[in-house]
Protein backbone atom coordinates (compact mmCIF):
# COMPACT_ATOMS: atom_id res chain seq x y z
CA MET A 1 -17.62 -27.51 -39.33
CA SER A 2 -16.36 -30.54 -40.68
CA GLU A 3 -17.90 -33.78 -40.24
CA ARG A 4 -14.81 -35.13 -38.77
CA SER A 5 -14.49 -36.47 -35.28
CA LEU A 6 -13.55 -33.54 -33.06
CA GLN A 7 -9.84 -34.28 -31.53
CA LEU A 8 -9.02 -33.11 -28.35
CA LEU A 9 -5.18 -32.86 -26.50
CA LEU A 10 -5.31 -33.02 -22.80
CA ILE A 11 -2.49 -31.05 -21.54
CA ASP A 12 -2.81 -31.76 -17.08
CA ASP A 13 -0.02 -32.38 -14.99
CA ASP A 14 -2.49 -34.50 -12.99
CA PRO A 15 -2.66 -38.14 -14.68
CA ILE A 16 -5.37 -39.34 -12.56
CA PHE A 17 -7.57 -36.23 -13.76
CA SER A 18 -6.60 -36.65 -17.39
CA LEU A 19 -7.19 -40.29 -17.24
CA GLY A 20 -10.79 -39.93 -15.76
CA LEU A 21 -11.45 -37.45 -18.52
CA VAL A 22 -10.65 -39.75 -20.87
CA THR A 23 -12.83 -42.52 -19.78
CA ALA A 24 -15.57 -39.95 -19.63
CA LEU A 25 -15.28 -38.61 -23.20
CA ALA A 26 -15.17 -42.01 -24.50
CA ALA A 27 -19.06 -42.66 -24.32
CA PHE A 28 -19.23 -39.54 -27.15
CA ASP A 29 -18.69 -41.31 -30.33
CA ASP A 30 -18.20 -38.01 -32.24
CA ILE A 31 -14.89 -37.20 -29.75
CA GLU A 32 -11.51 -38.72 -30.07
CA ILE A 33 -8.88 -38.34 -27.58
CA CYS A 34 -5.22 -37.86 -29.92
CA ASP A 35 -2.81 -37.46 -27.10
CA ARG A 36 -2.71 -36.87 -23.18
CA VAL A 37 0.11 -35.14 -21.83
CA ASP A 38 1.53 -33.20 -19.14
CA THR A 39 2.90 -29.44 -19.67
CA ALA A 40 6.02 -30.07 -20.19
CA LYS A 41 5.44 -31.98 -23.30
CA ALA A 42 2.89 -30.20 -24.76
CA ILE A 43 4.91 -28.18 -26.85
CA SER A 44 6.62 -30.49 -28.53
CA THR A 45 3.46 -33.03 -28.85
CA LEU A 46 2.51 -30.10 -30.46
CA ALA A 47 4.71 -29.77 -33.32
CA ALA A 48 4.46 -33.65 -33.87
CA LEU A 49 0.40 -32.74 -35.19
CA THR A 50 0.63 -31.78 -38.44
CA ASP A 51 -3.36 -32.01 -38.75
CA ARG A 52 -5.10 -29.90 -36.13
CA GLU A 53 -8.27 -28.86 -38.55
CA ASN A 54 -10.95 -30.07 -35.42
CA LEU A 55 -8.33 -29.96 -32.95
CA ILE A 56 -8.74 -28.54 -29.47
CA ALA A 57 -6.35 -28.63 -26.38
CA ILE A 58 -8.26 -28.81 -23.13
CA ALA A 59 -5.51 -27.51 -20.67
CA ASP A 60 -4.85 -26.87 -17.37
CA LEU A 61 -2.58 -24.28 -15.45
CA PRO A 62 1.00 -26.10 -15.03
CA SER A 63 1.67 -27.45 -11.42
CA PRO A 64 3.29 -25.48 -8.81
CA THR A 65 6.07 -28.08 -8.59
CA ARG A 66 7.10 -27.17 -12.12
CA ALA A 67 8.87 -23.97 -13.09
CA ILE A 68 6.60 -22.75 -15.82
CA ASP A 69 5.16 -19.62 -15.79
CA PRO A 70 1.37 -20.14 -17.00
CA LEU A 71 1.16 -16.78 -18.72
CA HIS A 72 4.52 -17.87 -20.57
CA PHE A 73 3.13 -21.05 -21.18
CA PHE A 74 -0.22 -20.46 -22.94
CA GLN A 75 1.26 -17.42 -24.75
CA GLN A 76 4.16 -19.90 -26.41
CA ILE A 77 0.89 -21.90 -27.46
CA GLU A 78 -0.69 -18.81 -29.20
CA GLU A 79 2.14 -17.82 -30.68
CA ASN A 80 3.54 -20.93 -32.26
CA TYR A 81 -0.48 -22.60 -33.00
CA PRO A 82 -2.44 -19.60 -33.53
CA ASP A 83 -4.82 -21.66 -35.24
CA LEU A 84 -5.23 -24.07 -32.43
CA ARG A 85 -8.31 -24.08 -29.98
CA VAL A 86 -7.46 -23.79 -26.36
CA LEU A 87 -10.10 -24.34 -23.44
CA LEU A 88 -8.67 -23.79 -19.97
CA LEU A 89 -10.13 -26.52 -17.61
CA THR A 90 -8.88 -25.97 -14.28
CA ALA A 91 -9.54 -25.16 -10.79
CA THR A 92 -8.04 -21.81 -10.63
CA ALA A 93 -10.89 -19.00 -10.56
CA GLU A 94 -8.30 -15.87 -10.31
CA SER A 95 -10.10 -13.20 -12.35
CA ARG A 96 -6.88 -11.33 -13.37
CA LEU A 97 -5.57 -14.36 -14.22
CA LEU A 98 -8.44 -15.63 -16.49
CA LYS A 99 -8.24 -12.12 -17.70
CA SER A 100 -4.62 -12.30 -18.64
CA LEU A 101 -5.26 -15.91 -20.63
CA ARG A 102 -8.27 -14.49 -22.45
CA ALA A 103 -6.57 -11.25 -23.95
CA LEU A 104 -3.36 -13.91 -25.10
CA GLY A 105 -6.42 -15.57 -27.22
CA VAL A 106 -7.95 -18.55 -24.82
CA GLU A 107 -10.62 -19.47 -26.61
CA GLY A 108 -12.59 -20.88 -23.34
CA TYR A 109 -12.78 -21.47 -19.54
CA LEU A 110 -14.41 -24.21 -17.20
CA PRO A 111 -13.85 -24.94 -13.85
CA LYS A 112 -12.56 -28.31 -12.94
CA GLY A 113 -15.79 -30.37 -11.59
CA THR A 114 -18.14 -29.10 -14.31
CA ALA A 115 -20.82 -32.05 -15.87
CA ILE A 116 -19.16 -33.86 -18.97
CA GLU A 117 -22.31 -32.97 -21.14
CA GLU A 118 -21.55 -29.18 -20.85
CA LEU A 119 -18.23 -29.73 -21.20
CA VAL A 120 -18.58 -31.63 -24.71
CA GLN A 121 -21.26 -28.81 -25.44
CA ILE A 122 -18.53 -26.30 -24.84
CA LEU A 123 -16.20 -27.88 -26.91
CA ARG A 124 -18.47 -28.34 -29.97
CA LYS A 125 -19.28 -24.56 -29.77
CA ILE A 126 -15.95 -23.56 -29.68
CA VAL A 127 -15.09 -25.90 -32.74
CA ALA A 128 -17.79 -23.92 -34.30
CA GLY A 129 -15.84 -20.94 -33.97
CA ASN A 130 -17.20 -19.35 -30.85
CA THR A 131 -16.23 -18.44 -27.68
CA ALA A 132 -17.10 -19.94 -24.01
CA TRP A 133 -15.99 -17.36 -21.19
CA PRO A 134 -17.72 -16.94 -18.11
CA ALA A 135 -20.38 -14.20 -19.32
CA GLN A 136 -21.12 -17.25 -22.09
CA THR A 137 -21.40 -19.78 -19.84
CA SER A 138 -24.44 -21.50 -17.75
CA THR A 139 -21.75 -22.28 -14.95
CA TYR A 140 -21.12 -18.70 -13.84
CA LEU A 141 -24.94 -17.50 -14.54
CA GLN A 142 -25.99 -19.61 -11.31
CA PRO A 143 -25.97 -17.82 -8.31
CA LEU A 144 -23.21 -18.20 -6.01
CA ASN A 145 -23.47 -16.85 -2.15
CA LEU A 146 -19.66 -16.84 -1.65
CA GLN A 147 -17.78 -13.59 0.15
CA LEU A 148 -14.25 -12.88 -0.57
CA SER A 149 -12.23 -13.08 2.62
CA VAL A 150 -8.66 -13.65 3.38
CA PRO A 151 -8.39 -17.53 2.98
CA PRO A 152 -6.61 -19.03 6.54
CA SER A 153 -3.00 -19.48 6.66
CA PRO A 154 -2.02 -23.21 6.65
CA PRO A 155 -0.06 -24.28 9.99
CA GLN A 156 3.88 -23.93 9.35
CA TRP A 157 4.47 -28.01 9.66
CA LEU A 158 2.03 -28.57 6.75
CA LEU A 159 3.51 -26.05 4.36
CA ASN A 160 6.95 -27.94 5.39
CA LEU A 161 5.64 -31.18 4.93
CA ARG A 162 4.26 -30.29 1.77
CA ARG A 163 7.33 -28.48 0.71
CA SER A 164 9.63 -31.27 1.52
CA GLY A 165 7.53 -34.13 0.10
CA LEU A 166 7.15 -32.26 -3.27
CA ALA A 167 10.90 -32.17 -3.42
CA GLN A 168 11.52 -35.90 -2.40
CA ILE A 169 9.19 -37.09 -5.04
CA GLU A 170 10.55 -34.96 -7.93
CA LYS A 171 14.13 -35.94 -6.70
CA SER A 172 13.00 -39.85 -7.33
CA LEU A 173 11.41 -38.99 -10.61
CA VAL A 174 14.31 -36.87 -11.70
CA GLY A 175 16.25 -40.65 -11.18
CA ILE A 176 13.96 -42.75 -12.75
CA GLU A 177 13.50 -40.68 -15.76
CA ARG A 178 17.49 -41.31 -15.85
CA GLN A 179 16.87 -45.16 -15.28
CA LEU A 180 14.35 -45.23 -18.23
CA GLN A 181 16.61 -43.49 -20.72
CA LYS A 182 19.20 -46.45 -20.41
CA SER A 183 19.31 -48.23 -23.88
CA ASP A 184 20.33 -51.78 -22.17
CA LEU A 185 18.30 -51.47 -19.11
CA PRO A 186 16.47 -55.10 -18.57
CA THR A 187 12.92 -55.67 -19.70
CA PHE A 188 12.20 -56.86 -16.29
CA ASP A 189 14.05 -53.58 -14.85
CA TRP A 190 12.08 -51.36 -17.20
CA PHE A 191 8.55 -52.55 -15.91
CA TYR A 192 9.72 -51.74 -12.32
CA TRP A 193 10.83 -48.60 -13.19
CA GLN A 194 7.77 -47.10 -15.24
CA GLY A 195 5.61 -48.69 -12.01
CA ARG A 196 7.57 -46.55 -9.91
CA GLN A 197 7.29 -43.50 -12.00
CA ARG A 198 3.25 -44.01 -12.19
CA GLU A 199 3.33 -44.47 -8.32
CA LEU A 200 5.21 -41.29 -7.77
CA LYS A 201 3.11 -39.30 -9.88
CA THR A 202 0.00 -40.50 -8.29
CA ALA A 203 1.49 -39.91 -4.91
CA ARG A 204 2.58 -36.17 -5.98
CA SER A 205 -1.05 -35.70 -7.42
CA LEU A 206 -2.33 -36.65 -4.08
CA VAL A 207 -0.29 -34.22 -2.19
CA ASP A 208 -1.04 -31.47 -4.39
CA ARG A 209 -4.93 -32.01 -3.60
CA LEU A 210 -4.75 -32.87 0.08
CA LEU A 211 -2.00 -30.57 1.22
CA PRO A 212 -2.78 -27.14 -0.77
CA VAL A 213 -0.83 -24.00 0.04
CA GLU A 214 -3.87 -21.64 -0.44
CA VAL A 215 -7.38 -21.77 -1.21
CA ALA A 216 -9.22 -19.08 -2.45
CA ILE A 217 -12.63 -18.67 -3.68
CA ALA A 218 -13.11 -15.55 -5.84
CA PRO A 219 -16.48 -14.09 -6.75
CA PRO A 220 -17.75 -14.15 -10.60
CA VAL A 221 -16.01 -11.52 -13.00
CA ALA A 222 -18.68 -9.46 -14.52
CA SER A 223 -19.63 -9.53 -17.90
CA GLU A 224 -17.25 -8.08 -20.52
CA PRO A 225 -17.30 -7.51 -24.08
CA PRO A 226 -15.35 -10.00 -26.47
CA GLN A 227 -11.76 -8.84 -26.41
CA THR A 228 -9.87 -9.33 -29.86
CA PRO A 229 -6.86 -11.52 -29.02
CA PRO A 230 -3.60 -10.20 -29.97
CA THR A 231 -2.20 -11.40 -33.44
CA THR A 232 1.51 -10.70 -33.07
CA PRO A 233 3.36 -10.67 -29.16
CA PRO A 234 3.96 -7.12 -28.29
CA THR A 235 7.15 -4.95 -28.81
CA SER A 236 9.19 -3.05 -26.58
CA GLY A 237 6.88 -0.46 -24.89
CA GLU A 238 3.83 -2.01 -25.27
CA LEU A 239 1.33 -3.16 -21.71
CA VAL A 240 2.23 -7.10 -21.06
CA ALA A 241 0.53 -9.53 -19.23
CA ILE A 242 1.35 -8.89 -15.38
CA PRO A 243 3.69 -11.26 -13.69
CA TYR A 244 3.69 -13.05 -10.84
CA PRO A 245 6.19 -11.70 -7.88
CA LEU A 246 2.75 -10.59 -6.15
CA GLU A 247 2.07 -14.26 -5.70
CA ALA A 248 5.25 -14.93 -4.57
CA LEU A 249 4.94 -12.09 -1.94
CA LEU A 250 1.64 -13.77 -1.11
CA ASN A 251 3.72 -17.10 -0.27
CA LYS A 252 6.03 -15.17 1.51
CA ILE A 253 2.95 -13.70 3.79
CA GLN A 254 1.47 -17.05 4.48
CA LEU A 255 4.42 -18.06 6.16
CA GLY A 256 3.73 -15.21 9.02
CA VAL A 257 5.77 -11.75 9.27
CA ARG A 258 7.75 -10.21 12.20
CA ASN A 259 9.50 -7.28 12.58
CA GLN A 260 13.36 -8.17 13.05
CA THR A 261 14.91 -4.37 12.10
CA LYS A 262 15.68 -1.95 15.46
CA LEU A 263 12.99 0.25 14.27
CA THR A 264 9.63 0.42 15.67
CA LEU A 265 6.90 -0.27 13.16
CA GLU A 266 3.08 0.53 13.08
CA LEU A 267 2.62 -2.90 12.53
CA ASP A 268 3.59 -3.91 15.68
CA ILE A 269 0.88 -3.09 17.40
CA LEU A 270 -1.03 -5.97 15.55
CA GLN A 271 -1.52 -9.50 16.08
CA SER A 272 0.44 -11.34 14.23
CA ASP A 273 -2.53 -12.95 12.01
CA LYS A 274 -4.16 -9.49 11.81
CA ARG A 275 -0.79 -8.39 10.26
CA GLN A 276 -0.53 -11.22 8.12
CA GLU A 277 -4.42 -10.24 6.87
CA LEU A 278 -3.38 -6.76 6.27
CA LEU A 279 -0.64 -7.73 4.32
CA TYR A 280 -2.73 -9.93 2.32
CA LEU A 281 -5.22 -7.44 1.65
CA THR A 282 -2.57 -4.92 0.42
CA VAL A 283 -0.89 -7.03 -1.93
CA ARG A 284 -4.81 -8.00 -3.51
CA GLN A 285 -5.78 -4.00 -3.56
CA LEU A 286 -2.31 -3.47 -5.05
CA GLN A 287 -3.33 -6.36 -7.79
CA ASP A 288 -6.42 -4.80 -8.65
CA VAL A 289 -5.22 -1.35 -9.32
CA LEU A 290 -2.20 -3.20 -11.20
CA GLU A 291 -5.14 -4.78 -13.38
CA GLU A 292 -7.06 -1.79 -13.89
CA LEU A 293 -4.20 0.00 -15.25
CA HIS A 294 -3.09 -3.29 -17.42
CA PHE A 295 -6.41 -2.89 -18.91
CA LEU A 296 -6.62 0.65 -19.41
CA LYS A 297 -3.77 0.62 -21.84
CA VAL A 298 -2.30 3.26 -19.58
CA THR A 299 1.29 4.88 -21.09
CA ARG A 300 4.72 4.88 -19.21
CA GLU A 301 4.04 8.90 -19.49
CA GLU A 302 0.41 8.91 -18.11
CA LEU A 303 1.75 6.47 -15.27
CA SER A 304 4.76 8.53 -14.56
CA SER A 305 2.41 11.39 -13.96
CA ARG A 306 -0.13 9.72 -11.54
CA ILE A 307 2.11 7.89 -9.22
CA ASP A 308 1.18 9.76 -6.16
CA LEU A 309 -2.93 8.69 -7.59
CA PHE A 310 -2.05 5.54 -8.15
CA LEU A 311 -0.06 5.06 -4.13
CA GLY A 312 -3.30 6.89 -3.13
CA GLU A 313 -5.60 4.64 -4.32
CA VAL A 314 -4.30 1.65 -3.17
CA TRP A 315 -3.90 2.98 0.32
CA GLN A 316 -7.54 4.31 0.22
CA LYS A 317 -8.86 0.84 -0.76
CA THR A 318 -6.91 -1.07 1.27
CA THR A 319 -7.50 0.74 4.63
CA VAL A 320 -11.47 1.01 4.17
CA GLU A 321 -11.35 -2.48 3.23
CA PHE A 322 -9.60 -3.51 6.44
CA VAL A 323 -11.11 -0.89 8.85
CA SER A 324 -14.51 -1.20 7.70
CA LYS A 325 -14.45 -4.58 9.10
CA TYR A 326 -13.68 -3.70 12.85
CA TYR A 327 -15.40 -0.29 12.89
CA PRO A 328 -17.37 0.39 15.56
CA PRO A 329 -21.10 0.45 14.79
CA ASP A 330 -22.17 3.36 17.28
CA ARG A 331 -19.64 5.69 14.79
CA ASP A 332 -22.07 5.09 11.95
CA ASN A 333 -22.75 8.80 11.69
CA ILE A 334 -19.39 8.96 10.51
CA SER A 335 -18.45 7.62 7.12
CA ILE A 336 -15.10 5.88 7.29
CA VAL A 337 -14.86 6.79 3.87
CA ASP A 338 -14.68 10.54 4.78
CA LEU A 339 -12.12 9.43 7.99
CA VAL A 340 -9.85 8.32 5.28
CA ARG A 341 -9.97 11.32 3.15
CA GLN A 342 -9.56 13.63 6.20
CA ASP A 343 -6.55 11.82 6.84
CA SER A 344 -5.09 11.27 3.11
CA LEU A 345 -2.48 14.27 2.90
CA ALA A 346 -0.98 13.29 6.61
CA ILE A 347 -0.39 9.99 5.43
CA ALA A 348 0.92 10.84 1.93
CA ASP A 349 3.22 12.96 3.65
CA SER A 350 4.71 10.14 6.42
CA GLN A 351 4.67 7.53 4.50
CA LEU A 352 3.52 7.16 0.41
CA GLN A 353 5.88 9.74 -0.68
CA ARG A 354 8.39 8.03 1.07
CA ILE A 355 8.37 5.00 -0.76
CA PRO A 356 11.41 5.09 -3.47
CA LEU A 357 11.48 3.58 -6.97
CA VAL A 358 7.70 3.35 -7.59
CA PHE A 359 8.03 4.21 -11.43
CA GLU A 360 10.43 1.27 -11.58
CA LEU A 361 8.74 -1.22 -10.01
CA LEU A 362 5.37 -0.37 -11.83
CA ASP A 363 7.43 -0.28 -15.18
CA TYR A 364 8.55 -3.65 -14.41
CA LEU A 365 5.26 -5.19 -13.69
CA LEU A 366 2.91 -3.29 -16.18
CA TYR A 367 5.75 -3.74 -19.25
CA ASP A 368 8.34 -5.33 -20.64
CA SER A 369 10.99 -3.52 -18.78
CA ALA A 370 14.45 -3.78 -17.81
CA ILE A 371 15.16 -2.86 -14.47
CA ALA A 372 19.10 -0.73 -13.76
CA ILE A 373 20.98 -1.93 -10.62
CA ASP A 374 24.30 -0.11 -10.01
CA ASN A 375 24.01 1.88 -13.13
CA VAL A 376 23.90 -1.59 -15.33
CA SER A 377 20.64 -2.52 -16.96
CA TYR A 378 18.97 -6.18 -16.27
CA ARG A 379 16.67 -7.67 -18.51
CA HIS A 380 12.91 -8.16 -17.81
CA GLU A 381 13.66 -12.45 -17.18
CA SER A 382 17.05 -12.00 -15.52
CA PRO A 383 17.43 -13.05 -11.57
CA GLU A 384 19.03 -10.08 -10.96
CA ALA A 385 16.07 -7.80 -12.16
CA LYS A 386 13.35 -10.56 -10.72
CA ALA A 387 15.28 -10.12 -7.24
CA ARG A 388 15.49 -6.39 -7.28
CA ALA A 389 11.76 -5.82 -8.22
CA ALA A 390 10.69 -8.54 -5.28
CA ASP A 391 12.28 -5.77 -2.96
CA LEU A 392 11.02 -2.96 -4.26
CA LEU A 393 7.17 -4.84 -3.95
CA ASP A 394 8.14 -5.86 -0.55
CA ASN A 395 9.17 -2.50 0.56
CA LEU A 396 6.19 -0.72 -1.41
CA THR A 397 3.53 -3.51 0.18
CA ILE A 398 5.02 -2.78 3.81
CA TYR A 399 4.82 1.26 3.49
CA ILE A 400 1.40 1.03 2.52
CA ALA A 401 0.16 -1.18 4.98
CA ARG A 402 1.93 1.02 7.65
CA GLY A 403 0.22 4.01 6.21
CA THR A 404 -2.96 2.01 6.95
CA MET A 405 -2.21 1.44 10.60
CA GLN A 406 -0.84 4.89 11.14
CA PHE A 407 -4.54 6.23 9.96
CA LEU A 408 -5.72 4.16 12.69
CA LEU A 409 -3.79 4.96 15.28
CA ASN A 410 -4.51 8.80 14.46
CA GLN A 411 -8.28 8.10 14.17
CA LEU A 412 -9.30 4.95 16.28
CA ALA A 413 -6.65 3.79 18.45
CA GLU A 414 -8.52 4.11 21.46
CA GLU A 415 -11.87 2.32 20.50
CA GLU A 416 -12.19 -0.62 22.70
CA ALA A 417 -13.66 -2.88 20.13
CA ILE A 418 -10.43 -2.69 17.65
CA LYS A 419 -7.99 -2.62 20.73
CA TYR A 420 -9.34 -6.05 21.64
CA THR A 421 -9.64 -7.59 18.05
CA LEU A 422 -6.78 -6.04 16.27
CA TYR A 423 -3.85 -5.28 18.95
CA ASP A 424 -1.53 -7.64 20.48
CA ARG A 425 -1.93 -7.93 24.19
CA ASN A 426 1.47 -5.91 25.24
CA PHE A 427 -0.35 -3.12 23.36
CA ILE A 428 -4.05 -2.73 25.14
CA SER A 429 -3.34 -0.04 27.94
CA SER A 430 -3.44 3.29 26.72
CA ARG A 431 -0.08 3.59 28.05
CA GLU A 432 1.35 1.25 25.68
CA ILE A 433 -0.27 2.85 22.65
CA ALA A 434 0.87 6.15 23.84
CA ARG A 435 4.54 5.13 24.05
CA LEU A 436 4.02 3.59 20.66
CA ARG A 437 2.97 6.35 19.03
CA ASN A 438 5.35 8.74 20.43
CA GLU A 439 8.29 6.49 19.24
CA LEU A 440 6.69 6.35 16.07
CA SER A 441 6.51 10.34 16.19
CA TRP A 442 10.30 10.53 17.02
CA GLN A 443 11.70 8.06 14.74
CA PHE A 444 9.69 9.93 12.26
CA ARG A 445 11.67 13.32 13.03
CA GLN A 446 14.83 11.12 12.98
CA ASP A 447 14.60 9.87 9.66
CA ARG A 448 13.27 12.92 8.38
CA TYR A 449 16.12 15.28 9.07
CA PHE A 450 18.84 12.90 9.78
CA LEU A 451 18.68 9.40 8.42
CA GLU A 452 16.85 10.27 4.89
CA PRO A 453 19.31 13.25 4.28
CA LYS A 454 22.34 10.95 4.97
CA ALA A 455 20.97 8.32 2.91
CA ILE A 456 20.24 10.77 -0.14
CA PHE A 457 24.14 12.32 0.10
CA GLU A 458 25.17 8.73 0.12
CA SER A 459 23.00 7.59 -2.95
CA ARG A 460 21.12 4.70 -1.40
CA TYR A 461 17.85 3.42 -0.19
CA ARG A 462 16.91 1.83 2.68
CA LEU A 463 14.09 -0.89 1.98
CA LEU A 464 11.75 -2.76 4.16
CA VAL A 465 12.09 -6.30 2.85
CA ILE A 466 10.42 -9.47 3.67
CA GLU A 467 12.84 -12.51 3.96
CA GLY A 468 12.05 -15.90 5.47
CA SER A 469 9.36 -14.95 7.92
CA GLN A 470 10.86 -11.64 9.06
CA ILE A 471 11.11 -8.08 8.18
CA GLN A 472 14.66 -6.74 7.32
CA ILE A 473 16.24 -3.72 6.52
CA LYS A 474 17.72 -3.80 3.21
CA SER A 475 20.06 -0.89 1.45
CA ILE A 476 20.70 -0.72 -1.99
CA SER A 477 22.71 1.77 -4.08
CA ALA A 478 20.82 3.95 -6.64
CA PRO A 479 21.58 7.66 -8.32
CA ARG A 480 20.05 10.22 -5.90
CA LEU A 481 21.05 13.93 -7.24
CA GLN A 482 17.71 15.33 -7.92
CA ASP A 483 16.47 14.49 -3.98
CA LEU A 484 20.18 15.91 -3.03
CA GLU A 485 19.61 19.28 -5.21
CA ALA A 486 16.35 19.20 -3.34
CA LEU A 487 16.88 19.55 0.08
CA GLN A 488 15.90 22.58 2.45
CA GLY A 489 16.37 23.76 5.84
CA ILE A 490 17.42 21.19 8.40
CA PRO A 491 18.03 18.22 5.93
CA PHE A 492 20.38 20.07 3.51
CA ILE A 493 22.23 21.39 7.40
CA VAL A 494 22.90 17.74 7.87
CA THR A 495 24.52 17.16 4.31
CA LEU A 496 26.53 20.13 4.65
CA ALA A 497 27.58 19.01 8.14
CA LEU A 498 28.27 15.36 6.55
CA GLU A 499 30.19 17.05 3.90
CA THR A 500 32.09 19.08 6.42
CA ARG A 501 32.93 16.28 8.75
CA ASP A 502 34.27 14.37 5.75
CA SER A 503 36.70 17.30 4.25
CA LEU A 504 37.97 17.88 7.53
CA ALA A 505 38.23 14.58 8.91
CA PRO A 506 41.21 13.59 7.37
CA ARG A 507 43.04 16.73 7.80
CA ILE A 508 42.07 16.42 11.71
CA ARG A 509 43.42 12.77 12.15
CA ALA A 510 46.58 13.92 9.68
CA VAL A 511 47.34 16.55 12.51
CA ILE A 512 46.78 14.07 15.60
CA ALA A 513 49.07 11.90 13.68
CA PHE A 514 51.65 14.16 13.36
CA LEU A 515 51.37 15.31 17.27
CA GLY A 516 51.76 12.11 18.47
CA ARG A 517 54.59 11.10 16.33
CA GLY A 518 56.14 14.22 17.94
CA VAL A 519 55.16 13.12 21.44
CA VAL A 520 56.58 9.81 20.97
CA TYR A 521 59.71 11.24 19.40
CA VAL A 522 60.07 13.39 22.75
CA LEU A 523 59.26 10.52 25.23
CA THR A 524 61.54 8.07 23.62
CA GLN A 525 64.35 9.76 22.40
CA VAL A 526 64.50 12.86 24.78
CA ILE A 527 62.95 12.17 27.95
CA GLY A 528 63.63 8.50 27.24
CA ARG A 529 67.49 9.02 27.11
CA ALA A 530 67.65 11.22 29.77
CA ILE A 531 65.69 8.86 32.51
CA GLY A 532 68.17 5.96 30.85
CA LEU A 533 71.09 8.24 31.73
CA ILE A 534 70.26 8.97 35.24
CA GLY A 535 69.29 5.42 35.79
CA GLN A 536 72.72 4.18 34.42
CA GLY A 537 74.29 7.00 36.64
CA ILE A 538 72.66 5.05 39.69
CA ILE A 539 73.60 2.31 38.88
CA GLN A 540 77.18 3.22 38.34
CA GLY A 541 77.33 4.97 41.81
CA LEU A 542 75.78 2.25 43.68
CA GLY A 543 78.07 0.06 42.31
CA ASN A 544 81.34 2.27 43.40
CA VAL A 545 79.34 2.26 46.80
CA VAL A 546 79.55 -1.52 46.83
CA GLN A 547 83.12 -1.68 46.00
CA GLU A 548 84.21 0.72 48.88
CA THR A 549 82.52 -1.28 51.06
CA ARG A 550 84.24 -4.42 50.51
CA TYR A 551 87.95 -2.59 50.51
CA ARG A 552 87.11 -1.27 54.18
CA LYS A 553 86.22 -4.84 55.51
CA LYS A 554 89.46 -6.21 54.06
């Protein structure tokens, strides 16, 4: 290590925190702060630095108010400045994100709130060529008595207040930035706008701290062997870091989810907060399985042949974790895992096998892949591809959650402890539960024998998506020739009936139209004229009678 001072570049969207960190590090003579910037100016600041021998960037994740993908941000730094050492200093403790950043080449991680002496010790270790990830830091060697649980959803008014407040602050900051860019701005006005800018940034920081959207505590990750950071950006077909449609889905779930379709769903029986909890757990289990596939370097060919195993694993993990918390204690002689395995084939047939375009969604989430929409391929970063992936993810999550509830209705529907803990008050009675199950059974047969064959014949899929806080049906078009050729029995007869109707309907309509024109001709030209002549004769006869009566009076 060189005898020169250790230089630090602080990258943080929270000006108050970065200023406090500069003040705390000023007590160390061998540490020099070269600059402190936000994430929007980080790349340009790094480009201006020519000497990066003993430079370490202490970076936080981009603020949620900025439209910056954290993985893309750090990947940009690693690709453009491979000699720069980066220490992640953030309040986020999500294992999947930390593993992804570690794989990108970030040298270390510390949570915000770490003692300044420990931070300096880690900095010196990094500049010496070592890494400082949870397995090597004393912070994560301390015992933590934390349990992973579903965080409570903030009230709707609080979410709306946070969203509107941040929007107003960002709008005001944009206007102030415009004012400060004016070359003829008087000195007094410049000082005024600078003060307003500092005030608004401080207010934004306080809003981020005091009105969080979600607070989750994750347990420490297991010790892992060091991973070699990639030296080149991934090429097409290689695994890349998992993107964030799952986080967007979690944000939608936090607002509450209600069924606004005309269909009866298994989720309808749940209380609103329990429905929210089930969907939340489904997304988390989906995320964990995706993470396993990501780090196991599963190829596309292997993924294509394991779709059923993937869906089954996500459903089983979700079901076991959700139901085990409410499983009756007097049934401990029957393992919940055994019950899930017994019902797995029925759930796969009724729910999991009906989920469309699963491989296309996983290909998008795990690889740098495009999505075909209406036979047009859209690149991975395009808004169209992101919107389609979000719809497919919504549908996948809802169907897996429906499978969990179908298992519960099949095995534990009449358990009193479960009924009063999970069910909505309208479904407490056995009669209402039986009515729901009968409706679901009838709806399943109607869908399998009539609605689904019709959708296959029309080359479209019906998706259950979450828009706002509502579950709605969305129809998308896609090729389904293989599904059409595989139809047998009643579904195949339904398609034949639809084809027969389509082929005969125009001819029948033509015959009816021809007969209708003939009837109109007969009524108007033949019968109508005859009636007209009769009426004319009657009128003439009456006229003659009137004239003869007048002559007789004279």
